[in-house]
Amino acid sequence: MKTLKLAITALTFIAVATACGGKKQTPATIQAGSERVTIPFQNFRADANHFRAVNQGNSVDYAMARRIALQNARTELASTIEATVKAVTEQYADQRQVGNRQEFQTRLEELSRTVVNQQLNDVRVAGDEAFREPNGTLTVWVAIEMPKDAIQKALNNRLSNDERLKLDFDQAVFTRIFNNEMQKIENR
């Protein structure tokens, strides 16, 4: 009887120990009957010379669906530009020897945000495609782009004209850092 209890306890312990080993990760599998979906403009990506974005909008009205798609794409483009400009301004501020580095960086970022917001009005629609859905609504995909030079020139002009920043602004260094960040975008 004692041996039986010991054997049951041992088996229970082994069963619990193996069960608690955690779930083993298995590769995701595609279910039978799944259909590959092709997204328009999927190869339309940012490169060293252009910021780019693709997005969609849905509505029963084509104009509204396109307007939503443009707004979504502009938001995505603005996010990409702001992240790039933030990386540039941080690196630039790190390389510059200025009196109050924090004030310099804050001012630089404020000006950069203003420039980005103003420049978003100059985006170019590179393409759009519309699809009628089974429920009757329209899905419009829009691809937009903005040349990096437009942002870079606007930033250079704004920074070199700012009274507090122009003494510490080195356009060649800023341009080099900006170009390096654009190259990183292309290499992603």
N, C-alpha and C. Protein backbone atom coordinates (compact mmCIF):
# COMPACT_ATOMS: atom_id res chain seq x y z
N MET A 1 0.82 -1.18 0.00
CA MET A 1 0.00 0.00 0.00
C MET A 1 0.87 1.25 0.00
N LYS A 2 1.91 1.23 0.85
CA LYS A 2 2.81 2.36 0.91
C LYS A 2 3.54 2.54 -0.42
N THR A 3 3.90 1.45 -1.05
CA THR A 3 4.59 1.48 -2.33
C THR A 3 3.66 2.03 -3.40
N LEU A 4 2.38 1.67 -3.35
CA LEU A 4 1.41 2.15 -4.32
C LEU A 4 1.23 3.66 -4.20
N LYS A 5 1.13 4.15 -2.95
CA LYS A 5 1.00 5.59 -2.72
C LYS A 5 2.24 6.31 -3.24
N LEU A 6 3.41 5.75 -2.97
CA LEU A 6 4.66 6.34 -3.43
C LEU A 6 4.71 6.37 -4.95
N ALA A 7 4.27 5.31 -5.60
CA ALA A 7 4.28 5.24 -7.07
C ALA A 7 3.29 6.25 -7.65
N ILE A 8 2.11 6.39 -7.05
CA ILE A 8 1.11 7.34 -7.53
C ILE A 8 1.62 8.77 -7.35
N THR A 9 2.25 9.04 -6.22
CA THR A 9 2.81 10.36 -5.96
C THR A 9 3.91 10.69 -6.97
N ALA A 10 4.76 9.71 -7.24
CA ALA A 10 5.84 9.92 -8.20
C ALA A 10 5.28 10.18 -9.60
N LEU A 11 4.29 9.39 -10.01
CA LEU A 11 3.67 9.59 -11.33
C LEU A 11 2.98 10.94 -11.43
N THR A 12 2.30 11.33 -10.34
CA THR A 12 1.63 12.63 -10.32
C THR A 12 2.66 13.74 -10.45
N PHE A 13 3.77 13.62 -9.72
CA PHE A 13 4.84 14.61 -9.77
C PHE A 13 5.41 14.72 -11.18
N ILE A 14 5.65 13.61 -11.82
CA ILE A 14 6.19 13.60 -13.19
C ILE A 14 5.20 14.23 -14.16
N ALA A 15 3.92 13.88 -13.99
CA ALA A 15 2.89 14.43 -14.89
C ALA A 15 2.80 15.94 -14.73
N VAL A 16 2.82 16.43 -13.49
CA VAL A 16 2.73 17.87 -13.24
C VAL A 16 3.99 18.57 -13.77
N ALA A 17 5.15 17.98 -13.53
CA ALA A 17 6.40 18.59 -13.97
C ALA A 17 6.45 18.72 -15.49
N THR A 18 6.01 17.71 -16.20
CA THR A 18 6.04 17.80 -17.67
C THR A 18 4.95 18.73 -18.18
N ALA A 19 3.83 18.77 -17.51
CA ALA A 19 2.75 19.66 -17.94
C ALA A 19 3.11 21.11 -17.71
N CYS A 20 3.89 21.42 -16.70
CA CYS A 20 4.26 22.79 -16.38
C CYS A 20 5.48 23.25 -17.17
N GLY A 21 5.94 22.43 -18.04
CA GLY A 21 7.11 22.80 -18.84
C GLY A 21 6.83 23.98 -19.75
N GLY A 22 5.61 24.39 -19.82
CA GLY A 22 5.26 25.53 -20.66
C GLY A 22 4.88 25.08 -22.05
N LYS A 23 4.22 25.99 -22.73
CA LYS A 23 3.79 25.71 -24.09
C LYS A 23 4.97 25.82 -25.02
N LYS A 24 5.14 24.86 -25.85
CA LYS A 24 6.23 24.93 -26.82
C LYS A 24 5.77 25.81 -27.97
N GLN A 25 6.67 26.67 -28.41
CA GLN A 25 6.37 27.56 -29.52
C GLN A 25 6.41 26.78 -30.83
N THR A 26 5.33 26.86 -31.54
CA THR A 26 5.30 26.22 -32.86
C THR A 26 5.15 27.33 -33.88
N PRO A 27 5.72 27.15 -35.05
CA PRO A 27 5.59 28.19 -36.06
C PRO A 27 4.13 28.38 -36.45
N ALA A 28 3.79 29.63 -36.77
CA ALA A 28 2.42 29.91 -37.19
C ALA A 28 2.15 29.19 -38.50
N THR A 29 0.97 28.66 -38.60
CA THR A 29 0.60 27.97 -39.84
C THR A 29 -0.54 28.72 -40.48
N ILE A 30 -0.61 28.61 -41.77
CA ILE A 30 -1.68 29.24 -42.52
C ILE A 30 -2.81 28.23 -42.63
N GLN A 31 -3.98 28.67 -42.24
CA GLN A 31 -5.13 27.77 -42.27
C GLN A 31 -5.53 27.47 -43.70
N ALA A 32 -6.05 26.29 -43.89
CA ALA A 32 -6.55 25.88 -45.21
C ALA A 32 -7.66 26.84 -45.62
N GLY A 33 -7.68 27.23 -46.85
CA GLY A 33 -8.70 28.14 -47.36
C GLY A 33 -8.36 29.61 -47.20
N SER A 34 -7.22 29.91 -46.56
CA SER A 34 -6.81 31.31 -46.41
C SER A 34 -6.43 31.87 -47.78
N GLU A 35 -6.67 33.14 -47.94
CA GLU A 35 -6.40 33.80 -49.22
C GLU A 35 -5.38 34.91 -49.00
N ARG A 36 -4.36 34.95 -49.85
CA ARG A 36 -3.36 36.01 -49.76
C ARG A 36 -4.00 37.32 -50.20
N VAL A 37 -3.77 38.37 -49.43
CA VAL A 37 -4.30 39.69 -49.74
C VAL A 37 -3.14 40.56 -50.20
N THR A 38 -3.31 41.18 -51.34
CA THR A 38 -2.29 42.08 -51.85
C THR A 38 -2.71 43.51 -51.54
N ILE A 39 -1.85 44.23 -50.88
CA ILE A 39 -2.12 45.61 -50.53
C ILE A 39 -1.53 46.50 -51.62
N PRO A 40 -2.32 47.43 -52.14
CA PRO A 40 -1.80 48.33 -53.17
C PRO A 40 -0.59 49.12 -52.66
N PHE A 41 0.32 49.38 -53.55
CA PHE A 41 1.50 50.22 -53.29
C PHE A 41 2.42 49.65 -52.21
N GLN A 42 2.43 48.34 -52.00
CA GLN A 42 3.23 47.79 -50.92
C GLN A 42 4.73 47.96 -51.15
N ASN A 43 5.17 48.23 -52.37
CA ASN A 43 6.59 48.47 -52.62
C ASN A 43 6.93 49.95 -52.65
N PHE A 44 5.98 50.78 -52.32
CA PHE A 44 6.17 52.23 -52.31
C PHE A 44 6.68 52.63 -50.93
N ARG A 45 7.99 52.64 -50.79
CA ARG A 45 8.63 52.88 -49.48
C ARG A 45 9.53 54.09 -49.53
N ALA A 46 9.77 54.66 -48.35
CA ALA A 46 10.68 55.79 -48.24
C ALA A 46 12.07 55.38 -48.70
N ASP A 47 12.79 56.33 -49.24
CA ASP A 47 14.17 56.08 -49.64
C ASP A 47 15.03 57.27 -49.22
N ALA A 48 16.25 57.33 -49.69
CA ALA A 48 17.18 58.39 -49.28
C ALA A 48 16.73 59.76 -49.78
N ASN A 49 15.82 59.82 -50.75
CA ASN A 49 15.41 61.10 -51.32
C ASN A 49 13.96 61.49 -51.04
N HIS A 50 13.15 60.56 -50.57
CA HIS A 50 11.73 60.84 -50.36
C HIS A 50 11.20 60.20 -49.07
N PHE A 51 10.35 60.96 -48.40
CA PHE A 51 9.52 60.40 -47.35
C PHE A 51 8.27 59.91 -48.06
N ARG A 52 7.78 58.71 -47.71
CA ARG A 52 6.60 58.17 -48.38
C ARG A 52 5.67 57.49 -47.37
N ALA A 53 4.38 57.47 -47.73
CA ALA A 53 3.40 56.79 -46.89
C ALA A 53 2.25 56.28 -47.75
N VAL A 54 1.67 55.19 -47.31
CA VAL A 54 0.51 54.58 -47.98
C VAL A 54 -0.53 54.31 -46.91
N ASN A 55 -1.77 54.67 -47.21
CA ASN A 55 -2.83 54.35 -46.27
C ASN A 55 -4.16 54.29 -47.00
N GLN A 56 -5.20 53.95 -46.26
CA GLN A 56 -6.51 53.74 -46.86
C GLN A 56 -7.60 54.48 -46.12
N GLY A 57 -8.74 54.59 -46.79
CA GLY A 57 -9.93 55.16 -46.18
C GLY A 57 -11.16 54.44 -46.71
N ASN A 58 -12.18 54.32 -45.88
CA ASN A 58 -13.41 53.62 -46.28
C ASN A 58 -14.61 54.55 -46.12
N SER A 59 -15.50 54.50 -47.09
CA SER A 59 -16.74 55.27 -47.01
C SER A 59 -17.65 54.81 -48.15
N VAL A 60 -18.92 55.18 -48.08
CA VAL A 60 -19.82 54.90 -49.18
C VAL A 60 -19.62 55.91 -50.30
N ASP A 61 -18.97 57.03 -49.98
CA ASP A 61 -18.71 58.10 -50.93
C ASP A 61 -17.22 58.11 -51.30
N TYR A 62 -16.93 58.11 -52.60
CA TYR A 62 -15.54 58.07 -53.06
C TYR A 62 -14.73 59.25 -52.52
N ALA A 63 -15.28 60.46 -52.62
CA ALA A 63 -14.54 61.64 -52.17
C ALA A 63 -14.21 61.55 -50.68
N MET A 64 -15.14 61.07 -49.90
CA MET A 64 -14.90 60.94 -48.46
C MET A 64 -13.87 59.86 -48.18
N ALA A 65 -13.97 58.72 -48.88
CA ALA A 65 -13.00 57.64 -48.68
C ALA A 65 -11.60 58.12 -49.04
N ARG A 66 -11.49 58.88 -50.12
CA ARG A 66 -10.18 59.40 -50.54
C ARG A 66 -9.64 60.42 -49.53
N ARG A 67 -10.53 61.28 -49.04
CA ARG A 67 -10.13 62.28 -48.03
C ARG A 67 -9.63 61.59 -46.76
N ILE A 68 -10.31 60.54 -46.33
CA ILE A 68 -9.88 59.77 -45.16
C ILE A 68 -8.53 59.12 -45.42
N ALA A 69 -8.37 58.53 -46.61
CA ALA A 69 -7.10 57.89 -46.96
C ALA A 69 -5.97 58.91 -46.96
N LEU A 70 -6.21 60.09 -47.53
CA LEU A 70 -5.18 61.14 -47.55
C LEU A 70 -4.82 61.59 -46.14
N GLN A 71 -5.84 61.76 -45.29
CA GLN A 71 -5.57 62.17 -43.91
C GLN A 71 -4.76 61.11 -43.17
N ASN A 72 -5.13 59.85 -43.35
CA ASN A 72 -4.40 58.76 -42.71
C ASN A 72 -2.96 58.69 -43.21
N ALA A 73 -2.78 58.86 -44.52
CA ALA A 73 -1.43 58.83 -45.09
C ALA A 73 -0.60 60.02 -44.62
N ARG A 74 -1.22 61.20 -44.55
CA ARG A 74 -0.50 62.39 -44.06
C ARG A 74 -0.08 62.20 -42.60
N THR A 75 -0.95 61.62 -41.81
CA THR A 75 -0.61 61.37 -40.40
C THR A 75 0.58 60.42 -40.31
N GLU A 76 0.56 59.37 -41.12
CA GLU A 76 1.67 58.42 -41.14
C GLU A 76 2.96 59.09 -41.62
N LEU A 77 2.84 59.91 -42.67
CA LEU A 77 4.00 60.62 -43.21
C LEU A 77 4.57 61.58 -42.18
N ALA A 78 3.70 62.32 -41.51
CA ALA A 78 4.13 63.26 -40.48
C ALA A 78 4.87 62.54 -39.36
N SER A 79 4.37 61.38 -38.98
CA SER A 79 5.01 60.60 -37.93
C SER A 79 6.42 60.17 -38.34
N THR A 80 6.56 59.73 -39.58
CA THR A 80 7.88 59.31 -40.08
C THR A 80 8.84 60.50 -40.13
N ILE A 81 8.35 61.62 -40.64
CA ILE A 81 9.20 62.81 -40.75
C ILE A 81 9.59 63.30 -39.37
N GLU A 82 8.64 63.36 -38.46
CA GLU A 82 8.94 63.84 -37.11
C GLU A 82 9.96 62.95 -36.42
N ALA A 83 9.83 61.64 -36.58
CA ALA A 83 10.79 60.72 -35.96
C ALA A 83 12.19 60.93 -36.55
N THR A 84 12.25 61.13 -37.85
CA THR A 84 13.54 61.35 -38.50
C THR A 84 14.14 62.68 -38.05
N VAL A 85 13.33 63.73 -38.06
CA VAL A 85 13.81 65.05 -37.66
C VAL A 85 14.23 65.05 -36.19
N LYS A 86 13.50 64.34 -35.36
CA LYS A 86 13.88 64.24 -33.94
C LYS A 86 15.24 63.57 -33.80
N ALA A 87 15.45 62.49 -34.53
CA ALA A 87 16.75 61.81 -34.49
C ALA A 87 17.86 62.74 -34.97
N VAL A 88 17.59 63.49 -36.02
CA VAL A 88 18.58 64.44 -36.55
C VAL A 88 18.89 65.53 -35.53
N THR A 89 17.83 66.12 -34.94
CA THR A 89 18.07 67.22 -34.00
C THR A 89 18.80 66.74 -32.75
N GLU A 90 18.49 65.51 -32.29
CA GLU A 90 19.21 64.98 -31.12
C GLU A 90 20.68 64.76 -31.43
N GLN A 91 20.95 64.17 -32.60
CA GLN A 91 22.35 63.95 -32.98
C GLN A 91 23.07 65.27 -33.20
N TYR A 92 22.39 66.20 -33.83
CA TYR A 92 22.99 67.51 -34.09
C TYR A 92 23.32 68.22 -32.78
N ALA A 93 22.37 68.22 -31.86
CA ALA A 93 22.59 68.87 -30.56
C ALA A 93 23.73 68.19 -29.80
N ASP A 94 23.85 66.86 -29.93
CA ASP A 94 24.93 66.13 -29.27
C ASP A 94 26.29 66.52 -29.83
N GLN A 95 26.36 66.84 -31.12
CA GLN A 95 27.63 67.17 -31.75
C GLN A 95 28.03 68.62 -31.59
N ARG A 96 27.07 69.46 -31.26
CA ARG A 96 27.36 70.89 -31.14
C ARG A 96 27.73 71.23 -29.69
N GLN A 97 28.69 72.09 -29.52
CA GLN A 97 29.07 72.57 -28.20
C GLN A 97 28.39 73.92 -27.99
N VAL A 98 27.27 73.91 -27.28
CA VAL A 98 26.52 75.14 -27.04
C VAL A 98 26.37 75.33 -25.54
N GLY A 99 26.11 76.58 -25.16
CA GLY A 99 26.01 76.92 -23.75
C GLY A 99 24.94 76.12 -23.03
N ASN A 100 23.69 76.32 -23.39
CA ASN A 100 22.59 75.62 -22.74
C ASN A 100 22.05 74.58 -23.73
N ARG A 101 22.61 73.39 -23.67
CA ARG A 101 22.29 72.32 -24.62
C ARG A 101 20.81 71.97 -24.61
N GLN A 102 20.20 71.90 -23.41
CA GLN A 102 18.79 71.53 -23.30
C GLN A 102 17.89 72.57 -23.96
N GLU A 103 18.17 73.85 -23.72
CA GLU A 103 17.38 74.91 -24.35
C GLU A 103 17.55 74.87 -25.87
N PHE A 104 18.80 74.65 -26.30
CA PHE A 104 19.10 74.58 -27.73
C PHE A 104 18.30 73.45 -28.38
N GLN A 105 18.33 72.27 -27.75
CA GLN A 105 17.64 71.11 -28.31
C GLN A 105 16.13 71.32 -28.31
N THR A 106 15.58 71.88 -27.25
CA THR A 106 14.14 72.14 -27.16
C THR A 106 13.71 73.11 -28.26
N ARG A 107 14.46 74.17 -28.42
CA ARG A 107 14.15 75.17 -29.45
C ARG A 107 14.25 74.55 -30.84
N LEU A 108 15.25 73.75 -31.05
CA LEU A 108 15.46 73.07 -32.33
C LEU A 108 14.26 72.16 -32.64
N GLU A 109 13.79 71.41 -31.65
CA GLU A 109 12.65 70.51 -31.86
C GLU A 109 11.36 71.29 -32.12
N GLU A 110 11.16 72.42 -31.43
CA GLU A 110 9.96 73.24 -31.65
C GLU A 110 9.93 73.76 -33.08
N LEU A 111 11.05 74.29 -33.53
CA LEU A 111 11.13 74.78 -34.90
C LEU A 111 10.91 73.66 -35.91
N SER A 112 11.46 72.51 -35.63
CA SER A 112 11.32 71.36 -36.52
C SER A 112 9.86 70.95 -36.66
N ARG A 113 9.14 70.90 -35.54
CA ARG A 113 7.71 70.54 -35.59
C ARG A 113 6.92 71.53 -36.44
N THR A 114 7.22 72.80 -36.27
CA THR A 114 6.54 73.84 -37.05
C THR A 114 6.80 73.66 -38.54
N VAL A 115 8.05 73.41 -38.88
CA VAL A 115 8.42 73.22 -40.29
C VAL A 115 7.71 72.00 -40.86
N VAL A 116 7.71 70.90 -40.14
CA VAL A 116 7.07 69.67 -40.62
C VAL A 116 5.59 69.92 -40.88
N ASN A 117 4.91 70.58 -39.95
CA ASN A 117 3.49 70.85 -40.12
C ASN A 117 3.22 71.73 -41.34
N GLN A 118 4.07 72.73 -41.58
CA GLN A 118 3.90 73.60 -42.74
C GLN A 118 4.19 72.85 -44.04
N GLN A 119 5.19 72.01 -44.04
CA GLN A 119 5.59 71.31 -45.26
C GLN A 119 4.61 70.21 -45.67
N LEU A 120 3.83 69.70 -44.76
CA LEU A 120 2.88 68.62 -45.10
C LEU A 120 1.83 69.08 -46.11
N ASN A 121 1.72 70.38 -46.30
CA ASN A 121 0.79 70.87 -47.31
C ASN A 121 1.32 70.63 -48.72
N ASP A 122 2.61 70.33 -48.85
CA ASP A 122 3.24 70.18 -50.15
C ASP A 122 3.45 68.72 -50.56
N VAL A 123 2.70 67.81 -49.96
CA VAL A 123 2.86 66.41 -50.34
C VAL A 123 2.29 66.18 -51.73
N ARG A 124 2.85 65.21 -52.40
CA ARG A 124 2.41 64.86 -53.75
C ARG A 124 1.73 63.48 -53.69
N VAL A 125 0.56 63.39 -54.31
CA VAL A 125 -0.11 62.09 -54.40
C VAL A 125 0.55 61.35 -55.55
N ALA A 126 1.17 60.24 -55.24
CA ALA A 126 1.86 59.43 -56.25
C ALA A 126 0.91 58.44 -56.92
N GLY A 127 -0.18 58.12 -56.25
CA GLY A 127 -1.14 57.19 -56.84
C GLY A 127 -2.28 56.91 -55.88
N ASP A 128 -3.38 56.45 -56.45
CA ASP A 128 -4.50 56.01 -55.62
C ASP A 128 -5.27 54.93 -56.37
N GLU A 129 -5.88 54.05 -55.60
CA GLU A 129 -6.67 52.96 -56.16
C GLU A 129 -7.93 52.81 -55.32
N ALA A 130 -9.05 52.56 -55.98
CA ALA A 130 -10.33 52.41 -55.28
C ALA A 130 -10.88 51.01 -55.52
N PHE A 131 -11.51 50.48 -54.48
CA PHE A 131 -12.11 49.15 -54.54
C PHE A 131 -13.52 49.21 -53.96
N ARG A 132 -14.48 48.61 -54.67
CA ARG A 132 -15.83 48.51 -54.12
C ARG A 132 -15.90 47.21 -53.33
N GLU A 133 -16.27 47.32 -52.08
CA GLU A 133 -16.36 46.17 -51.19
C GLU A 133 -17.70 45.46 -51.40
N PRO A 134 -17.80 44.19 -50.99
CA PRO A 134 -19.06 43.44 -51.15
C PRO A 134 -20.26 44.12 -50.49
N ASN A 135 -20.00 44.88 -49.42
CA ASN A 135 -21.12 45.55 -48.73
C ASN A 135 -21.48 46.90 -49.37
N GLY A 136 -20.82 47.26 -50.47
CA GLY A 136 -21.15 48.49 -51.19
C GLY A 136 -20.27 49.68 -50.85
N THR A 137 -19.49 49.59 -49.78
CA THR A 137 -18.62 50.71 -49.44
C THR A 137 -17.40 50.72 -50.37
N LEU A 138 -16.72 51.84 -50.37
CA LEU A 138 -15.51 51.98 -51.17
C LEU A 138 -14.29 52.03 -50.25
N THR A 139 -13.24 51.37 -50.67
CA THR A 139 -11.95 51.47 -49.98
C THR A 139 -10.99 52.12 -50.96
N VAL A 140 -10.42 53.25 -50.56
CA VAL A 140 -9.47 53.96 -51.40
C VAL A 140 -8.11 53.90 -50.73
N TRP A 141 -7.11 53.47 -51.50
CA TRP A 141 -5.72 53.45 -51.05
C TRP A 141 -5.01 54.62 -51.71
N VAL A 142 -4.21 55.34 -50.93
CA VAL A 142 -3.48 56.49 -51.44
C VAL A 142 -2.01 56.36 -51.08
N ALA A 143 -1.14 56.68 -52.06
CA ALA A 143 0.30 56.71 -51.83
C ALA A 143 0.74 58.16 -51.99
N ILE A 144 1.43 58.68 -50.98
CA ILE A 144 1.91 60.07 -51.04
C ILE A 144 3.40 60.11 -50.77
N GLU A 145 4.02 61.20 -51.22
CA GLU A 145 5.45 61.35 -50.98
C GLU A 145 5.80 62.83 -50.86
N MET A 146 6.94 63.06 -50.24
CA MET A 146 7.49 64.40 -50.11
C MET A 146 9.00 64.28 -50.25
N PRO A 147 9.60 65.12 -51.08
CA PRO A 147 11.05 65.06 -51.21
C PRO A 147 11.73 65.48 -49.91
N LYS A 148 12.78 64.76 -49.56
CA LYS A 148 13.51 65.10 -48.33
C LYS A 148 14.08 66.50 -48.43
N ASP A 149 14.44 66.93 -49.65
CA ASP A 149 15.03 68.26 -49.82
C ASP A 149 14.09 69.37 -49.37
N ALA A 150 12.79 69.18 -49.56
CA ALA A 150 11.82 70.20 -49.15
C ALA A 150 11.88 70.40 -47.64
N ILE A 151 11.93 69.30 -46.91
CA ILE A 151 12.02 69.38 -45.45
C ILE A 151 13.37 69.96 -45.04
N GLN A 152 14.42 69.46 -45.64
CA GLN A 152 15.77 69.88 -45.28
C GLN A 152 15.97 71.38 -45.54
N LYS A 153 15.53 71.87 -46.69
CA LYS A 153 15.67 73.30 -47.01
C LYS A 153 14.87 74.16 -46.04
N ALA A 154 13.64 73.73 -45.77
CA ALA A 154 12.79 74.49 -44.85
C ALA A 154 13.42 74.53 -43.46
N LEU A 155 13.96 73.40 -43.01
CA LEU A 155 14.63 73.37 -41.70
C LEU A 155 15.86 74.27 -41.70
N ASN A 156 16.68 74.15 -42.73
CA ASN A 156 17.88 74.99 -42.82
C ASN A 156 17.53 76.47 -42.79
N ASN A 157 16.52 76.87 -43.58
CA ASN A 157 16.12 78.28 -43.62
C ASN A 157 15.61 78.75 -42.27
N ARG A 158 14.77 77.94 -41.67
CA ARG A 158 14.17 78.32 -40.40
C ARG A 158 15.23 78.40 -39.29
N LEU A 159 16.14 77.43 -39.27
CA LEU A 159 17.16 77.41 -38.22
C LEU A 159 18.17 78.53 -38.39
N SER A 160 18.55 78.82 -39.63
CA SER A 160 19.55 79.87 -39.84
C SER A 160 18.95 81.26 -39.65
N ASN A 161 17.61 81.38 -39.66
CA ASN A 161 16.96 82.68 -39.43
C ASN A 161 16.52 82.89 -37.98
N ASP A 162 16.60 81.86 -37.17
CA ASP A 162 16.20 81.99 -35.77
C ASP A 162 17.31 82.67 -34.98
N GLU A 163 16.99 83.78 -34.33
CA GLU A 163 18.00 84.57 -33.62
C GLU A 163 18.75 83.78 -32.55
N ARG A 164 18.01 82.94 -31.81
CA ARG A 164 18.66 82.20 -30.72
C ARG A 164 19.50 81.03 -31.22
N LEU A 165 19.17 80.49 -32.40
CA LEU A 165 19.86 79.30 -32.87
C LEU A 165 20.94 79.57 -33.92
N LYS A 166 20.84 80.68 -34.65
CA LYS A 166 21.73 80.85 -35.79
C LYS A 166 23.20 80.96 -35.41
N LEU A 167 23.50 81.42 -34.22
CA LEU A 167 24.91 81.50 -33.80
C LEU A 167 25.52 80.11 -33.68
N ASP A 168 24.70 79.13 -33.30
CA ASP A 168 25.20 77.77 -33.09
C ASP A 168 24.84 76.83 -34.24
N PHE A 169 24.25 77.35 -35.32
CA PHE A 169 23.80 76.49 -36.40
C PHE A 169 24.90 76.30 -37.44
N ASP A 170 25.24 75.06 -37.69
CA ASP A 170 26.22 74.70 -38.71
C ASP A 170 25.47 73.88 -39.76
N GLN A 171 25.15 74.51 -40.88
CA GLN A 171 24.33 73.89 -41.91
C GLN A 171 24.97 72.63 -42.48
N ALA A 172 26.27 72.61 -42.66
CA ALA A 172 26.95 71.44 -43.23
C ALA A 172 26.81 70.23 -42.31
N VAL A 173 26.98 70.43 -41.03
CA VAL A 173 26.85 69.33 -40.07
C VAL A 173 25.40 68.84 -40.03
N PHE A 174 24.46 69.78 -40.00
CA PHE A 174 23.05 69.42 -39.96
C PHE A 174 22.67 68.62 -41.21
N THR A 175 23.12 69.07 -42.37
CA THR A 175 22.82 68.38 -43.63
C THR A 175 23.40 66.98 -43.65
N ARG A 176 24.62 66.83 -43.18
CA ARG A 176 25.26 65.51 -43.14
C ARG A 176 24.47 64.55 -42.26
N ILE A 177 24.07 65.00 -41.10
CA ILE A 177 23.29 64.16 -40.18
C ILE A 177 21.94 63.81 -40.79
N PHE A 178 21.30 64.79 -41.41
CA PHE A 178 20.00 64.57 -42.04
C PHE A 178 20.12 63.52 -43.15
N ASN A 179 21.13 63.64 -43.98
CA ASN A 179 21.33 62.67 -45.07
C ASN A 179 21.61 61.27 -44.53
N ASN A 180 22.35 61.17 -43.44
CA ASN A 180 22.61 59.87 -42.82
C ASN A 180 21.32 59.22 -42.32
N GLU A 181 20.44 60.01 -41.73
CA GLU A 181 19.17 59.48 -41.25
C GLU A 181 18.29 59.01 -42.41
N MET A 182 18.31 59.75 -43.50
CA MET A 182 17.53 59.35 -44.68
C MET A 182 18.07 58.05 -45.26
N GLN A 183 19.37 57.87 -45.22
CA GLN A 183 19.97 56.63 -45.71
C GLN A 183 19.53 55.46 -44.84
N LYS A 184 19.41 55.68 -43.53
CA LYS A 184 18.94 54.63 -42.62
C LYS A 184 17.52 54.22 -42.98
N ILE A 185 16.68 55.18 -43.34
CA ILE A 185 15.31 54.88 -43.72
C ILE A 185 15.30 53.98 -44.94
N GLU A 186 16.13 54.30 -45.91
CA GLU A 186 16.17 53.51 -47.15
C GLU A 186 16.65 52.08 -46.87
N ASN A 187 17.55 51.93 -45.91
CA ASN A 187 18.13 50.61 -45.64
C ASN A 187 17.23 49.71 -44.79
N ARG A 188 16.10 50.22 -44.32
CA ARG A 188 15.20 49.40 -43.51
C ARG A 188 14.51 48.37 -44.32
